[in-house]
N, C-alpha and C. Protein backbone atom coordinates (compact mmCIF):
# COMPACT_ATOMS: atom_id res chain seq x y z
N MET A 1 -29.53 -14.77 -18.24
CA MET A 1 -28.79 -14.04 -17.23
C MET A 1 -27.30 -14.13 -17.56
N THR A 2 -26.65 -12.99 -17.58
CA THR A 2 -25.23 -12.93 -17.89
C THR A 2 -24.43 -12.72 -16.63
N ALA A 3 -23.41 -13.54 -16.44
CA ALA A 3 -22.54 -13.39 -15.28
C ALA A 3 -21.56 -12.25 -15.55
N LEU A 4 -21.39 -11.40 -14.57
CA LEU A 4 -20.44 -10.31 -14.69
C LEU A 4 -19.08 -10.77 -14.20
N ALA A 5 -18.10 -10.61 -15.03
CA ALA A 5 -16.73 -10.96 -14.64
C ALA A 5 -16.09 -9.75 -13.97
N THR A 6 -15.56 -9.97 -12.82
CA THR A 6 -14.86 -8.88 -12.15
C THR A 6 -13.38 -9.25 -12.07
N GLU A 7 -12.58 -8.39 -12.63
CA GLU A 7 -11.15 -8.63 -12.64
C GLU A 7 -10.50 -7.66 -11.67
N LEU A 8 -9.74 -8.20 -10.74
CA LEU A 8 -9.05 -7.37 -9.78
C LEU A 8 -7.79 -6.78 -10.41
N THR A 9 -7.45 -5.60 -9.96
CA THR A 9 -6.30 -4.88 -10.47
C THR A 9 -5.16 -4.95 -9.46
N HIS A 10 -3.96 -5.09 -9.95
CA HIS A 10 -2.78 -5.03 -9.09
C HIS A 10 -2.24 -3.60 -9.11
N GLY A 11 -1.77 -3.16 -7.95
CA GLY A 11 -1.20 -1.83 -7.85
C GLY A 11 -0.06 -1.61 -8.83
N ARG A 12 0.69 -2.64 -9.07
CA ARG A 12 1.84 -2.53 -9.98
C ARG A 12 1.43 -2.12 -11.38
N SER A 13 0.17 -2.32 -11.75
CA SER A 13 -0.30 -1.92 -13.08
C SER A 13 -0.40 -0.41 -13.23
N LEU A 14 -0.25 0.32 -12.15
CA LEU A 14 -0.36 1.78 -12.18
C LEU A 14 0.92 2.48 -12.62
N VAL A 15 2.00 1.72 -12.73
CA VAL A 15 3.28 2.27 -13.22
C VAL A 15 3.82 1.31 -14.28
N GLY A 16 4.75 1.81 -15.07
CA GLY A 16 5.39 0.96 -16.07
C GLY A 16 6.31 -0.06 -15.43
N PRO A 17 6.61 -1.15 -16.14
CA PRO A 17 7.46 -2.20 -15.57
C PRO A 17 8.87 -1.72 -15.20
N GLU A 18 9.42 -0.79 -15.97
CA GLU A 18 10.78 -0.30 -15.68
C GLU A 18 10.79 0.45 -14.35
N LEU A 19 9.84 1.32 -14.13
CA LEU A 19 9.76 2.06 -12.87
C LEU A 19 9.47 1.12 -11.72
N PHE A 20 8.55 0.19 -11.91
CA PHE A 20 8.23 -0.76 -10.85
C PHE A 20 9.50 -1.52 -10.42
N ASN A 21 10.27 -1.98 -11.40
CA ASN A 21 11.50 -2.73 -11.09
C ASN A 21 12.52 -1.86 -10.36
N ARG A 22 12.66 -0.60 -10.77
CA ARG A 22 13.59 0.29 -10.06
C ARG A 22 13.16 0.49 -8.61
N LEU A 23 11.87 0.66 -8.38
CA LEU A 23 11.37 0.86 -7.02
C LEU A 23 11.56 -0.41 -6.18
N VAL A 24 11.30 -1.55 -6.78
CA VAL A 24 11.49 -2.83 -6.08
C VAL A 24 12.97 -3.01 -5.74
N ASN A 25 13.85 -2.75 -6.69
CA ASN A 25 15.28 -2.89 -6.44
C ASN A 25 15.72 -1.96 -5.30
N PHE A 26 15.19 -0.76 -5.26
CA PHE A 26 15.50 0.18 -4.19
C PHE A 26 15.04 -0.37 -2.84
N LEU A 27 13.84 -0.92 -2.80
CA LEU A 27 13.33 -1.52 -1.56
C LEU A 27 14.20 -2.68 -1.09
N VAL A 28 14.61 -3.52 -2.01
CA VAL A 28 15.47 -4.65 -1.67
C VAL A 28 16.73 -4.15 -0.99
N GLN A 29 17.35 -3.15 -1.58
CA GLN A 29 18.60 -2.61 -1.02
C GLN A 29 18.38 -1.88 0.30
N GLU A 30 17.43 -0.98 0.32
CA GLU A 30 17.25 -0.11 1.48
C GLU A 30 16.59 -0.81 2.67
N GLU A 31 15.65 -1.67 2.41
CA GLU A 31 14.90 -2.33 3.48
C GLU A 31 15.48 -3.70 3.84
N LYS A 32 16.43 -4.16 3.02
CA LYS A 32 17.05 -5.47 3.26
C LYS A 32 16.00 -6.58 3.31
N ILE A 33 15.13 -6.58 2.29
CA ILE A 33 14.08 -7.59 2.18
C ILE A 33 14.25 -8.34 0.86
N THR A 34 13.59 -9.47 0.73
CA THR A 34 13.69 -10.25 -0.50
C THR A 34 12.99 -9.52 -1.64
N ARG A 35 13.36 -9.87 -2.84
CA ARG A 35 12.71 -9.27 -4.01
C ARG A 35 11.22 -9.59 -4.02
N GLU A 36 10.87 -10.81 -3.67
CA GLU A 36 9.45 -11.20 -3.66
C GLU A 36 8.66 -10.31 -2.69
N ARG A 37 9.20 -10.09 -1.50
CA ARG A 37 8.50 -9.23 -0.53
C ARG A 37 8.48 -7.78 -1.02
N ALA A 38 9.57 -7.31 -1.60
CA ALA A 38 9.62 -5.94 -2.11
C ALA A 38 8.57 -5.73 -3.21
N GLU A 39 8.37 -6.72 -4.07
CA GLU A 39 7.34 -6.62 -5.10
C GLU A 39 5.96 -6.53 -4.47
N ARG A 40 5.73 -7.32 -3.44
CA ARG A 40 4.43 -7.29 -2.75
C ARG A 40 4.21 -5.94 -2.08
N VAL A 41 5.23 -5.43 -1.40
CA VAL A 41 5.13 -4.15 -0.71
C VAL A 41 4.85 -3.03 -1.70
N MET A 42 5.59 -3.00 -2.80
CA MET A 42 5.40 -1.93 -3.79
C MET A 42 4.03 -2.01 -4.43
N ASP A 43 3.58 -3.22 -4.74
CA ASP A 43 2.25 -3.40 -5.31
C ASP A 43 1.19 -2.81 -4.39
N GLN A 44 1.28 -3.10 -3.11
CA GLN A 44 0.29 -2.62 -2.15
C GLN A 44 0.41 -1.11 -1.92
N ALA A 45 1.63 -0.59 -1.94
CA ALA A 45 1.83 0.85 -1.77
C ALA A 45 1.18 1.62 -2.92
N LEU A 46 1.30 1.11 -4.13
CA LEU A 46 0.69 1.78 -5.28
C LEU A 46 -0.84 1.74 -5.21
N ALA A 47 -1.39 0.60 -4.81
CA ALA A 47 -2.85 0.52 -4.65
C ALA A 47 -3.30 1.48 -3.55
N PHE A 48 -2.55 1.55 -2.46
CA PHE A 48 -2.87 2.48 -1.38
C PHE A 48 -2.84 3.93 -1.87
N LEU A 49 -1.81 4.29 -2.61
CA LEU A 49 -1.70 5.66 -3.11
C LEU A 49 -2.88 6.01 -4.01
N HIS A 50 -3.28 5.06 -4.85
CA HIS A 50 -4.44 5.29 -5.71
C HIS A 50 -5.67 5.62 -4.87
N MET A 51 -5.88 4.84 -3.82
CA MET A 51 -7.04 5.09 -2.95
C MET A 51 -6.90 6.40 -2.19
N SER A 52 -5.72 6.70 -1.72
CA SER A 52 -5.50 7.93 -0.96
C SER A 52 -5.83 9.16 -1.79
N ALA A 53 -5.55 9.10 -3.07
CA ALA A 53 -5.82 10.24 -3.94
C ALA A 53 -7.30 10.44 -4.18
N HIS A 54 -8.09 9.39 -4.01
CA HIS A 54 -9.51 9.45 -4.32
C HIS A 54 -10.42 9.47 -3.09
N ARG A 55 -9.83 9.50 -1.92
CA ARG A 55 -10.63 9.48 -0.70
C ARG A 55 -10.20 10.61 0.21
N ASP A 56 -11.15 11.28 0.81
CA ASP A 56 -10.84 12.38 1.72
C ASP A 56 -10.52 11.90 3.13
N GLU A 57 -11.18 10.83 3.55
CA GLU A 57 -10.94 10.37 4.92
C GLU A 57 -9.54 9.82 5.07
N GLY A 58 -9.09 9.78 6.30
CA GLY A 58 -7.71 9.40 6.60
C GLY A 58 -7.40 7.93 6.43
N LEU A 59 -7.05 7.53 5.24
CA LEU A 59 -6.55 6.19 5.02
C LEU A 59 -5.08 6.18 5.42
N SER A 60 -4.59 5.03 5.79
CA SER A 60 -3.21 4.94 6.25
C SER A 60 -2.58 3.64 5.79
N PRO A 61 -1.30 3.70 5.37
CA PRO A 61 -0.63 2.46 5.00
C PRO A 61 -0.27 1.68 6.26
N SER A 62 -0.13 0.39 6.12
CA SER A 62 0.35 -0.42 7.24
C SER A 62 1.85 -0.16 7.40
N GLN A 63 2.36 -0.60 8.51
CA GLN A 63 3.79 -0.45 8.76
C GLN A 63 4.61 -1.22 7.72
N ALA A 64 4.06 -2.33 7.24
CA ALA A 64 4.75 -3.13 6.23
C ALA A 64 4.70 -2.49 4.84
N VAL A 65 3.64 -1.73 4.54
CA VAL A 65 3.43 -1.14 3.22
C VAL A 65 4.07 0.24 3.10
N ASP A 66 4.16 0.97 4.19
CA ASP A 66 4.66 2.34 4.18
C ASP A 66 6.03 2.50 3.52
N PRO A 67 6.98 1.56 3.68
CA PRO A 67 8.27 1.73 2.99
C PRO A 67 8.14 1.81 1.47
N GLY A 68 7.11 1.21 0.90
CA GLY A 68 6.90 1.31 -0.54
C GLY A 68 6.57 2.73 -0.95
N TRP A 69 5.74 3.41 -0.17
CA TRP A 69 5.42 4.81 -0.45
C TRP A 69 6.68 5.67 -0.31
N HIS A 70 7.43 5.42 0.75
CA HIS A 70 8.67 6.18 0.97
C HIS A 70 9.64 5.98 -0.19
N ALA A 71 9.77 4.75 -0.66
CA ALA A 71 10.68 4.47 -1.77
C ALA A 71 10.27 5.26 -3.01
N PHE A 72 8.97 5.31 -3.29
CA PHE A 72 8.49 6.04 -4.46
C PHE A 72 8.73 7.54 -4.28
N MET A 73 8.43 8.07 -3.11
CA MET A 73 8.63 9.51 -2.87
C MET A 73 10.09 9.92 -3.03
N LEU A 74 11.00 9.03 -2.69
CA LEU A 74 12.42 9.35 -2.81
C LEU A 74 12.88 9.43 -4.27
N HIS A 75 12.10 8.88 -5.15
CA HIS A 75 12.33 9.03 -6.59
C HIS A 75 11.47 10.22 -7.04
N THR A 76 11.86 11.40 -6.62
CA THR A 76 11.02 12.59 -6.66
C THR A 76 10.48 12.93 -8.04
N ARG A 77 11.31 12.87 -9.05
CA ARG A 77 10.83 13.22 -10.39
C ARG A 77 9.76 12.23 -10.86
N ASP A 78 10.05 10.95 -10.67
CA ASP A 78 9.09 9.91 -11.07
C ASP A 78 7.79 10.05 -10.27
N TYR A 79 7.92 10.25 -8.97
CA TYR A 79 6.74 10.34 -8.10
C TYR A 79 5.89 11.56 -8.46
N ALA A 80 6.52 12.72 -8.60
CA ALA A 80 5.77 13.94 -8.92
C ALA A 80 5.08 13.82 -10.27
N ALA A 81 5.79 13.29 -11.27
CA ALA A 81 5.20 13.13 -12.61
C ALA A 81 4.05 12.14 -12.58
N TRP A 82 4.23 11.04 -11.84
CA TRP A 82 3.17 10.02 -11.74
C TRP A 82 1.93 10.59 -11.06
N CYS A 83 2.12 11.28 -9.96
CA CYS A 83 0.98 11.90 -9.26
C CYS A 83 0.23 12.85 -10.19
N GLN A 84 0.97 13.66 -10.93
CA GLN A 84 0.33 14.62 -11.84
C GLN A 84 -0.45 13.90 -12.94
N ARG A 85 0.16 12.86 -13.53
CA ARG A 85 -0.52 12.10 -14.59
C ARG A 85 -1.75 11.37 -14.06
N GLN A 86 -1.61 10.72 -12.90
CA GLN A 86 -2.69 9.90 -12.37
C GLN A 86 -3.83 10.71 -11.77
N PHE A 87 -3.46 11.79 -11.03
CA PHE A 87 -4.46 12.47 -10.20
C PHE A 87 -4.57 13.97 -10.44
N GLY A 88 -3.66 14.51 -11.24
CA GLY A 88 -3.68 15.94 -11.51
C GLY A 88 -3.16 16.78 -10.35
N ARG A 89 -2.53 16.12 -9.38
CA ARG A 89 -1.98 16.82 -8.22
C ARG A 89 -0.98 15.92 -7.52
N PHE A 90 -0.19 16.54 -6.66
CA PHE A 90 0.82 15.83 -5.88
C PHE A 90 0.17 15.21 -4.64
N ILE A 91 0.48 13.97 -4.33
CA ILE A 91 -0.03 13.32 -3.13
C ILE A 91 1.03 13.46 -2.04
N HIS A 92 0.73 14.31 -1.08
CA HIS A 92 1.67 14.58 0.00
C HIS A 92 1.61 13.48 1.06
N HIS A 93 2.70 13.30 1.73
CA HIS A 93 2.78 12.36 2.85
C HIS A 93 2.61 13.17 4.13
N ASN A 94 1.53 12.95 4.81
CA ASN A 94 1.24 13.65 6.07
C ASN A 94 1.15 12.62 7.18
N PRO A 95 2.28 12.29 7.79
CA PRO A 95 2.26 11.23 8.80
C PRO A 95 1.48 11.61 10.04
N PHE A 96 0.81 10.61 10.60
CA PHE A 96 0.09 10.75 11.86
C PHE A 96 1.05 10.37 12.99
N PRO A 97 0.71 10.74 14.20
CA PRO A 97 1.50 10.22 15.33
C PRO A 97 1.46 8.69 15.31
N ALA A 98 2.54 8.06 15.72
CA ALA A 98 2.69 6.61 15.61
C ALA A 98 1.50 5.81 16.13
N PRO A 99 0.92 6.09 17.31
CA PRO A 99 -0.20 5.25 17.75
C PRO A 99 -1.39 5.29 16.81
N GLN A 100 -1.66 6.42 16.20
CA GLN A 100 -2.79 6.53 15.28
C GLN A 100 -2.46 5.88 13.94
N LEU A 101 -1.19 5.97 13.52
CA LEU A 101 -0.79 5.48 12.21
C LEU A 101 -1.11 4.00 12.03
N TYR A 102 -0.87 3.21 13.05
CA TYR A 102 -1.04 1.77 12.90
C TYR A 102 -2.23 1.24 13.69
N ASP A 103 -3.29 2.01 13.73
CA ASP A 103 -4.52 1.62 14.40
C ASP A 103 -5.21 0.52 13.60
N GLY A 104 -5.61 -0.55 14.28
CA GLY A 104 -6.22 -1.69 13.61
C GLY A 104 -7.48 -1.34 12.84
N ALA A 105 -8.35 -0.52 13.42
CA ALA A 105 -9.59 -0.15 12.74
C ALA A 105 -9.29 0.64 11.47
N GLN A 106 -8.32 1.51 11.54
CA GLN A 106 -7.95 2.31 10.38
C GLN A 106 -7.36 1.41 9.28
N MET A 107 -6.58 0.42 9.67
CA MET A 107 -6.01 -0.51 8.68
C MET A 107 -7.13 -1.28 7.99
N ARG A 108 -8.07 -1.77 8.77
CA ARG A 108 -9.18 -2.53 8.18
C ARG A 108 -10.01 -1.65 7.24
N ALA A 109 -10.21 -0.39 7.59
CA ALA A 109 -10.95 0.53 6.72
C ALA A 109 -10.17 0.80 5.44
N THR A 110 -8.86 0.93 5.55
CA THR A 110 -8.01 1.15 4.39
C THR A 110 -8.07 -0.06 3.46
N VAL A 111 -7.94 -1.24 4.03
CA VAL A 111 -8.01 -2.48 3.23
C VAL A 111 -9.37 -2.58 2.54
N ALA A 112 -10.43 -2.29 3.25
CA ALA A 112 -11.78 -2.34 2.65
C ALA A 112 -11.89 -1.37 1.48
N ALA A 113 -11.34 -0.17 1.63
CA ALA A 113 -11.40 0.82 0.55
C ALA A 113 -10.62 0.35 -0.67
N ILE A 114 -9.46 -0.24 -0.44
CA ILE A 114 -8.65 -0.74 -1.55
C ILE A 114 -9.36 -1.89 -2.26
N GLU A 115 -9.95 -2.79 -1.48
CA GLU A 115 -10.71 -3.89 -2.07
C GLU A 115 -11.93 -3.38 -2.83
N ASP A 116 -12.63 -2.41 -2.25
CA ASP A 116 -13.82 -1.86 -2.91
C ASP A 116 -13.49 -1.21 -4.25
N ALA A 117 -12.26 -0.71 -4.38
CA ALA A 117 -11.82 -0.09 -5.63
C ALA A 117 -11.40 -1.13 -6.67
N GLY A 118 -11.41 -2.41 -6.27
CA GLY A 118 -11.09 -3.48 -7.22
C GLY A 118 -9.64 -3.90 -7.26
N PHE A 119 -8.87 -3.50 -6.24
CA PHE A 119 -7.47 -3.91 -6.19
C PHE A 119 -7.31 -5.20 -5.41
N VAL A 120 -6.33 -5.98 -5.81
CA VAL A 120 -5.93 -7.16 -5.06
C VAL A 120 -5.29 -6.68 -3.76
N VAL A 121 -5.67 -7.27 -2.64
CA VAL A 121 -5.10 -6.91 -1.35
C VAL A 121 -4.28 -8.09 -0.82
N ASP A 122 -3.06 -7.80 -0.44
CA ASP A 122 -2.18 -8.78 0.18
C ASP A 122 -2.40 -8.65 1.69
N HIS A 123 -3.36 -9.39 2.19
CA HIS A 123 -3.80 -9.23 3.59
C HIS A 123 -2.68 -9.44 4.61
N GLU A 124 -1.71 -10.26 4.27
CA GLU A 124 -0.60 -10.48 5.20
C GLU A 124 0.15 -9.18 5.48
N LEU A 125 0.32 -8.34 4.46
CA LEU A 125 1.04 -7.08 4.65
C LEU A 125 0.22 -6.04 5.41
N TRP A 126 -1.06 -6.27 5.54
CA TRP A 126 -1.93 -5.34 6.26
C TRP A 126 -2.33 -5.87 7.63
N GLY A 127 -1.93 -7.10 7.95
CA GLY A 127 -2.31 -7.68 9.23
C GLY A 127 -3.78 -8.02 9.28
N THR A 128 -4.38 -8.29 8.12
CA THR A 128 -5.80 -8.61 8.07
C THR A 128 -6.06 -9.98 7.44
N ALA A 129 -5.04 -10.83 7.43
CA ALA A 129 -5.21 -12.17 6.87
C ALA A 129 -6.18 -12.97 7.71
N ALA A 130 -6.86 -13.90 7.10
CA ALA A 130 -7.86 -14.72 7.79
C ALA A 130 -7.25 -15.49 8.95
N THR A 131 -5.98 -15.81 8.84
CA THR A 131 -5.31 -16.57 9.90
C THR A 131 -4.82 -15.67 11.03
N CYS A 132 -5.09 -14.39 10.95
CA CYS A 132 -4.61 -13.42 11.92
C CYS A 132 -5.71 -13.14 12.95
N ASN A 133 -5.44 -13.45 14.19
CA ASN A 133 -6.43 -13.23 15.25
C ASN A 133 -5.84 -12.39 16.37
N PRO A 134 -6.60 -11.38 16.86
CA PRO A 134 -6.12 -10.60 18.00
C PRO A 134 -5.92 -11.52 19.19
N PRO A 135 -4.98 -11.28 20.09
CA PRO A 135 -4.13 -10.09 20.06
C PRO A 135 -2.86 -10.28 19.24
N ALA A 136 -2.69 -11.40 18.57
CA ALA A 136 -1.47 -11.62 17.78
C ALA A 136 -1.31 -10.55 16.72
N CYS A 137 -2.39 -10.14 16.09
CA CYS A 137 -2.35 -9.03 15.15
C CYS A 137 -3.74 -8.41 15.07
N CYS A 138 -3.76 -7.16 14.72
CA CYS A 138 -5.06 -6.47 14.73
C CYS A 138 -5.19 -5.52 13.55
N GLY A 139 -4.43 -5.74 12.52
CA GLY A 139 -4.62 -4.94 11.32
C GLY A 139 -3.59 -3.88 11.10
N ASP A 140 -2.32 -4.18 11.26
CA ASP A 140 -1.31 -3.20 10.91
C ASP A 140 -0.12 -3.84 10.23
N GLY A 141 -0.26 -5.00 9.70
CA GLY A 141 0.80 -5.61 8.93
C GLY A 141 1.86 -6.30 9.76
N GLY A 142 1.83 -6.17 11.06
CA GLY A 142 2.85 -6.81 11.86
C GLY A 142 2.39 -7.05 13.28
N GLY A 143 1.14 -6.91 13.55
CA GLY A 143 0.62 -7.11 14.89
C GLY A 143 0.24 -5.80 15.53
N CYS A 144 -0.44 -5.88 16.63
CA CYS A 144 -0.92 -4.68 17.29
C CYS A 144 0.20 -3.73 17.67
N GLY A 145 1.37 -4.25 17.91
CA GLY A 145 2.48 -3.40 18.29
C GLY A 145 3.36 -3.00 17.12
N GLY A 146 2.99 -3.37 15.91
CA GLY A 146 3.78 -3.02 14.74
C GLY A 146 4.81 -4.09 14.44
N GLY A 147 5.71 -3.77 13.54
CA GLY A 147 6.78 -4.69 13.17
C GLY A 147 6.60 -5.22 11.78
N LYS A 148 7.59 -5.97 11.33
CA LYS A 148 7.55 -6.54 9.99
C LYS A 148 7.52 -8.00 10.14
């Protein structure tokens, strides 16, 4: 019997190191967060985008992860070229009304989809960490009411 090795993928592997660093630096400046947190946010945003391109149902980023998507979209040439290379089409941002955007069930479904695709999930940024119990948090990266 042969054991199957499963290696998880990081979202950051979906872009080159130079682009990843530029996006992280942008997040640090714009969001006023540490480099370590910006790297985590960008990694999760890229994994989320990968899943969004391959799933029809409404996946949604957490409130903590969404700034990573915004940072990438603001680098329009890089974002458009990456979407075309990765998926053959542009991934549009279609925001939901705020109450639906950070719904706990939707966050848990999004996290499950990302994990099922073999990506590493930073559960703290999604509000789905094992140490997270309702009502303190319910799956949106900052608690049932949102936040960072």
